[in-house]
Amino acid sequence: MRRNYKQCEKGEKHFMKQTNFQDVFLNAVRKEKVDVTVYLTNGFQFNGQVRSFDNFTIMLEVNGKEQLVFKHAVSTIIPRRAVDFSKYEN
């Protein structure tokens, strides 16, 4: 999550949290164990569940095995069902 400073009327600086929707999305589908289809830029696709993620990678469980996918290779992630992301935003 990025932090920006917001200056109030009195000139004081306060932290202003900026929502990173990528993290909100991945965290929501991970916590709710939603099946996702991950499309890579080369056209390959994975069907599985997000187990964890960081700034550069996504760990998927695909057919009972773990698959590490680099985010720079991901084109699209589609959840199999609707997810309420609002409860995962800060």
N, C-alpha and C. Protein backbone atom coordinates (compact mmCIF):
# COMPACT_ATOMS: atom_id res chain seq x y z
N MET A 1 0.84 -1.16 0.00
CA MET A 1 0.00 0.00 0.00
C MET A 1 0.89 1.23 0.00
N ARG A 2 0.62 2.14 -0.87
CA ARG A 2 1.40 3.37 -0.94
C ARG A 2 0.88 4.36 0.08
N ARG A 3 1.80 5.17 0.58
CA ARG A 3 1.39 6.21 1.51
C ARG A 3 1.78 7.55 0.92
N ASN A 4 0.83 8.42 0.82
CA ASN A 4 1.08 9.79 0.38
C ASN A 4 0.80 10.72 1.54
N TYR A 5 1.39 11.88 1.47
CA TYR A 5 1.11 12.87 2.50
C TYR A 5 0.00 13.78 2.03
N LYS A 6 -0.87 14.12 2.94
CA LYS A 6 -1.95 15.06 2.68
C LYS A 6 -1.74 16.23 3.63
N GLN A 7 -1.70 17.41 3.09
CA GLN A 7 -1.47 18.57 3.94
C GLN A 7 -2.82 19.19 4.28
N CYS A 8 -3.07 19.38 5.57
CA CYS A 8 -4.34 19.96 6.01
C CYS A 8 -4.22 21.48 6.03
N GLU A 9 -5.30 22.13 6.40
CA GLU A 9 -5.37 23.59 6.39
C GLU A 9 -4.30 24.24 7.26
N LYS A 10 -3.92 23.62 8.36
CA LYS A 10 -2.94 24.19 9.28
C LYS A 10 -1.51 23.91 8.85
N GLY A 11 -1.34 23.26 7.72
CA GLY A 11 -0.01 22.97 7.24
C GLY A 11 0.58 21.68 7.78
N GLU A 12 -0.18 20.94 8.60
CA GLU A 12 0.31 19.68 9.15
C GLU A 12 0.22 18.60 8.08
N LYS A 13 1.16 17.70 8.13
CA LYS A 13 1.14 16.59 7.18
C LYS A 13 0.56 15.35 7.85
N HIS A 14 -0.32 14.68 7.14
CA HIS A 14 -0.93 13.44 7.61
C HIS A 14 -0.74 12.39 6.54
N PHE A 15 -0.62 11.13 6.98
CA PHE A 15 -0.55 10.04 6.02
C PHE A 15 -1.90 9.86 5.36
N MET A 16 -1.89 9.68 4.07
CA MET A 16 -3.10 9.38 3.32
C MET A 16 -2.85 8.05 2.63
N LYS A 17 -3.59 7.03 2.98
CA LYS A 17 -3.39 5.70 2.39
C LYS A 17 -4.05 5.66 1.01
N GLN A 18 -3.31 5.14 0.06
CA GLN A 18 -3.81 5.00 -1.30
C GLN A 18 -4.10 3.52 -1.53
N THR A 19 -5.32 3.21 -1.94
CA THR A 19 -5.72 1.83 -2.13
C THR A 19 -5.05 1.24 -3.37
N ASN A 20 -4.45 0.09 -3.19
CA ASN A 20 -3.85 -0.66 -4.29
C ASN A 20 -4.85 -1.75 -4.65
N PHE A 21 -5.63 -1.55 -5.70
CA PHE A 21 -6.71 -2.48 -6.01
C PHE A 21 -6.19 -3.86 -6.39
N GLN A 22 -4.99 -3.92 -6.93
CA GLN A 22 -4.40 -5.23 -7.25
C GLN A 22 -4.31 -6.09 -5.99
N ASP A 23 -3.83 -5.50 -4.90
CA ASP A 23 -3.72 -6.24 -3.63
C ASP A 23 -5.08 -6.55 -3.05
N VAL A 24 -6.02 -5.61 -3.14
CA VAL A 24 -7.38 -5.84 -2.65
C VAL A 24 -8.01 -7.02 -3.39
N PHE A 25 -7.88 -7.02 -4.71
CA PHE A 25 -8.45 -8.08 -5.54
C PHE A 25 -7.85 -9.44 -5.18
N LEU A 26 -6.52 -9.52 -5.18
CA LEU A 26 -5.86 -10.80 -4.90
C LEU A 26 -6.15 -11.29 -3.48
N ASN A 27 -6.19 -10.37 -2.52
CA ASN A 27 -6.49 -10.76 -1.14
C ASN A 27 -7.92 -11.27 -1.01
N ALA A 28 -8.86 -10.64 -1.70
CA ALA A 28 -10.26 -11.06 -1.63
C ALA A 28 -10.45 -12.46 -2.20
N VAL A 29 -9.90 -12.71 -3.39
CA VAL A 29 -10.08 -14.05 -3.98
C VAL A 29 -9.31 -15.10 -3.20
N ARG A 30 -8.21 -14.71 -2.56
CA ARG A 30 -7.45 -15.65 -1.72
C ARG A 30 -8.25 -16.02 -0.48
N LYS A 31 -8.74 -15.00 0.25
CA LYS A 31 -9.46 -15.26 1.50
C LYS A 31 -10.76 -16.02 1.27
N GLU A 32 -11.45 -15.71 0.17
CA GLU A 32 -12.72 -16.38 -0.11
C GLU A 32 -12.55 -17.68 -0.90
N LYS A 33 -11.30 -18.04 -1.19
CA LYS A 33 -10.98 -19.27 -1.91
C LYS A 33 -11.77 -19.40 -3.21
N VAL A 34 -11.79 -18.30 -3.96
CA VAL A 34 -12.50 -18.26 -5.23
C VAL A 34 -11.61 -18.84 -6.32
N ASP A 35 -12.16 -19.73 -7.13
CA ASP A 35 -11.42 -20.23 -8.28
C ASP A 35 -11.24 -19.08 -9.28
N VAL A 36 -10.05 -18.98 -9.85
CA VAL A 36 -9.76 -17.93 -10.83
C VAL A 36 -9.13 -18.55 -12.07
N THR A 37 -9.28 -17.86 -13.17
CA THR A 37 -8.55 -18.19 -14.39
C THR A 37 -7.55 -17.07 -14.61
N VAL A 38 -6.28 -17.44 -14.69
CA VAL A 38 -5.20 -16.47 -14.90
C VAL A 38 -4.70 -16.64 -16.33
N TYR A 39 -4.82 -15.59 -17.12
CA TYR A 39 -4.32 -15.59 -18.50
C TYR A 39 -2.96 -14.91 -18.53
N LEU A 40 -2.01 -15.57 -19.15
CA LEU A 40 -0.68 -15.00 -19.29
C LEU A 40 -0.55 -14.27 -20.63
N THR A 41 0.46 -13.43 -20.74
CA THR A 41 0.65 -12.65 -21.96
C THR A 41 0.98 -13.52 -23.17
N ASN A 42 1.46 -14.74 -22.94
CA ASN A 42 1.76 -15.66 -24.05
C ASN A 42 0.55 -16.50 -24.45
N GLY A 43 -0.62 -16.24 -23.83
CA GLY A 43 -1.84 -16.96 -24.17
C GLY A 43 -2.13 -18.17 -23.29
N PHE A 44 -1.15 -18.62 -22.53
CA PHE A 44 -1.34 -19.76 -21.64
C PHE A 44 -2.28 -19.35 -20.51
N GLN A 45 -3.01 -20.31 -19.96
CA GLN A 45 -3.91 -20.00 -18.85
C GLN A 45 -3.81 -21.05 -17.76
N PHE A 46 -4.06 -20.60 -16.53
CA PHE A 46 -4.11 -21.47 -15.35
C PHE A 46 -5.48 -21.33 -14.73
N ASN A 47 -6.03 -22.44 -14.25
CA ASN A 47 -7.26 -22.42 -13.46
C ASN A 47 -6.91 -22.93 -12.08
N GLY A 48 -7.18 -22.12 -11.06
CA GLY A 48 -6.83 -22.52 -9.70
C GLY A 48 -7.25 -21.49 -8.68
N GLN A 49 -6.60 -21.54 -7.53
CA GLN A 49 -6.88 -20.60 -6.44
C GLN A 49 -5.61 -19.89 -6.02
N VAL A 50 -5.76 -18.62 -5.69
CA VAL A 50 -4.63 -17.84 -5.20
C VAL A 50 -4.33 -18.27 -3.77
N ARG A 51 -3.10 -18.68 -3.52
CA ARG A 51 -2.68 -19.08 -2.17
C ARG A 51 -1.93 -17.96 -1.47
N SER A 52 -1.14 -17.20 -2.22
CA SER A 52 -0.42 -16.06 -1.66
C SER A 52 0.09 -15.20 -2.81
N PHE A 53 0.60 -14.02 -2.46
CA PHE A 53 1.14 -13.11 -3.48
C PHE A 53 2.05 -12.10 -2.80
N ASP A 54 2.91 -11.52 -3.61
CA ASP A 54 3.75 -10.42 -3.13
C ASP A 54 3.82 -9.38 -4.26
N ASN A 55 4.79 -8.51 -4.21
CA ASN A 55 4.88 -7.45 -5.22
C ASN A 55 5.15 -7.97 -6.62
N PHE A 56 5.76 -9.14 -6.73
CA PHE A 56 6.20 -9.62 -8.03
C PHE A 56 5.60 -10.94 -8.47
N THR A 57 5.04 -11.71 -7.55
CA THR A 57 4.58 -13.05 -7.89
C THR A 57 3.20 -13.36 -7.29
N ILE A 58 2.57 -14.38 -7.87
CA ILE A 58 1.32 -14.94 -7.35
C ILE A 58 1.52 -16.44 -7.24
N MET A 59 1.24 -16.99 -6.06
CA MET A 59 1.31 -18.44 -5.87
C MET A 59 -0.10 -18.99 -6.06
N LEU A 60 -0.26 -19.84 -7.06
CA LEU A 60 -1.55 -20.46 -7.36
C LEU A 60 -1.51 -21.92 -6.98
N GLU A 61 -2.65 -22.45 -6.56
CA GLU A 61 -2.80 -23.89 -6.43
C GLU A 61 -3.57 -24.35 -7.66
N VAL A 62 -2.91 -25.16 -8.48
CA VAL A 62 -3.49 -25.65 -9.73
C VAL A 62 -3.46 -27.17 -9.68
N ASN A 63 -4.63 -27.79 -9.69
CA ASN A 63 -4.73 -29.26 -9.64
C ASN A 63 -3.93 -29.86 -8.50
N GLY A 64 -4.01 -29.23 -7.33
CA GLY A 64 -3.34 -29.75 -6.15
C GLY A 64 -1.86 -29.46 -6.06
N LYS A 65 -1.31 -28.74 -7.04
CA LYS A 65 0.11 -28.40 -7.03
C LYS A 65 0.27 -26.89 -7.02
N GLU A 66 1.37 -26.43 -6.42
CA GLU A 66 1.63 -25.00 -6.38
C GLU A 66 2.33 -24.55 -7.65
N GLN A 67 1.90 -23.41 -8.15
CA GLN A 67 2.46 -22.85 -9.38
C GLN A 67 2.79 -21.39 -9.10
N LEU A 68 4.06 -21.01 -9.24
CA LEU A 68 4.49 -19.63 -9.03
C LEU A 68 4.43 -18.90 -10.36
N VAL A 69 3.66 -17.81 -10.39
CA VAL A 69 3.48 -17.03 -11.61
C VAL A 69 4.01 -15.62 -11.36
N PHE A 70 4.83 -15.13 -12.27
CA PHE A 70 5.34 -13.77 -12.16
C PHE A 70 4.29 -12.79 -12.68
N LYS A 71 4.03 -11.75 -11.91
CA LYS A 71 2.98 -10.80 -12.26
C LYS A 71 3.21 -10.14 -13.62
N HIS A 72 4.46 -9.90 -13.98
CA HIS A 72 4.72 -9.24 -15.26
C HIS A 72 4.28 -10.10 -16.45
N ALA A 73 4.04 -11.39 -16.22
CA ALA A 73 3.59 -12.29 -17.28
C ALA A 73 2.07 -12.42 -17.32
N VAL A 74 1.36 -11.81 -16.36
CA VAL A 74 -0.09 -11.94 -16.27
C VAL A 74 -0.77 -10.87 -17.12
N SER A 75 -1.73 -11.31 -17.91
CA SER A 75 -2.54 -10.39 -18.70
C SER A 75 -3.85 -10.07 -17.99
N THR A 76 -4.55 -11.12 -17.54
CA THR A 76 -5.89 -10.97 -16.98
C THR A 76 -6.13 -12.03 -15.92
N ILE A 77 -6.88 -11.67 -14.88
CA ILE A 77 -7.32 -12.64 -13.87
C ILE A 77 -8.83 -12.51 -13.77
N ILE A 78 -9.52 -13.63 -13.96
CA ILE A 78 -10.99 -13.63 -13.93
C ILE A 78 -11.47 -14.56 -12.82
N PRO A 79 -12.19 -14.02 -11.83
CA PRO A 79 -12.77 -14.89 -10.79
C PRO A 79 -13.98 -15.63 -11.35
N ARG A 80 -14.22 -16.83 -10.87
CA ARG A 80 -15.35 -17.64 -11.36
C ARG A 80 -16.69 -17.17 -10.82
N ARG A 81 -16.65 -16.40 -9.75
CA ARG A 81 -17.90 -15.88 -9.20
C ARG A 81 -17.66 -14.45 -8.72
N ALA A 82 -18.75 -13.76 -8.46
CA ALA A 82 -18.66 -12.38 -8.00
C ALA A 82 -18.04 -12.33 -6.60
N VAL A 83 -17.25 -11.30 -6.36
CA VAL A 83 -16.59 -11.12 -5.07
C VAL A 83 -16.87 -9.70 -4.59
N ASP A 84 -17.24 -9.56 -3.31
CA ASP A 84 -17.46 -8.24 -2.72
C ASP A 84 -16.12 -7.71 -2.22
N PHE A 85 -15.50 -6.85 -3.00
CA PHE A 85 -14.18 -6.33 -2.67
C PHE A 85 -14.22 -5.26 -1.59
N SER A 86 -15.37 -4.66 -1.37
CA SER A 86 -15.47 -3.53 -0.44
C SER A 86 -15.05 -3.90 0.98
N LYS A 87 -15.28 -5.12 1.41
CA LYS A 87 -14.91 -5.49 2.77
C LYS A 87 -13.41 -5.75 2.94
N TYR A 88 -12.66 -5.73 1.84
CA TYR A 88 -11.21 -5.93 1.91
C TYR A 88 -10.43 -4.64 1.71
N GLU A 89 -11.13 -3.55 1.39
CA GLU A 89 -10.46 -2.26 1.25
C GLU A 89 -10.25 -1.66 2.62
N ASN A 90 -9.21 -0.88 2.75
CA ASN A 90 -8.92 -0.23 4.04
C ASN A 90 -9.70 1.04 4.19
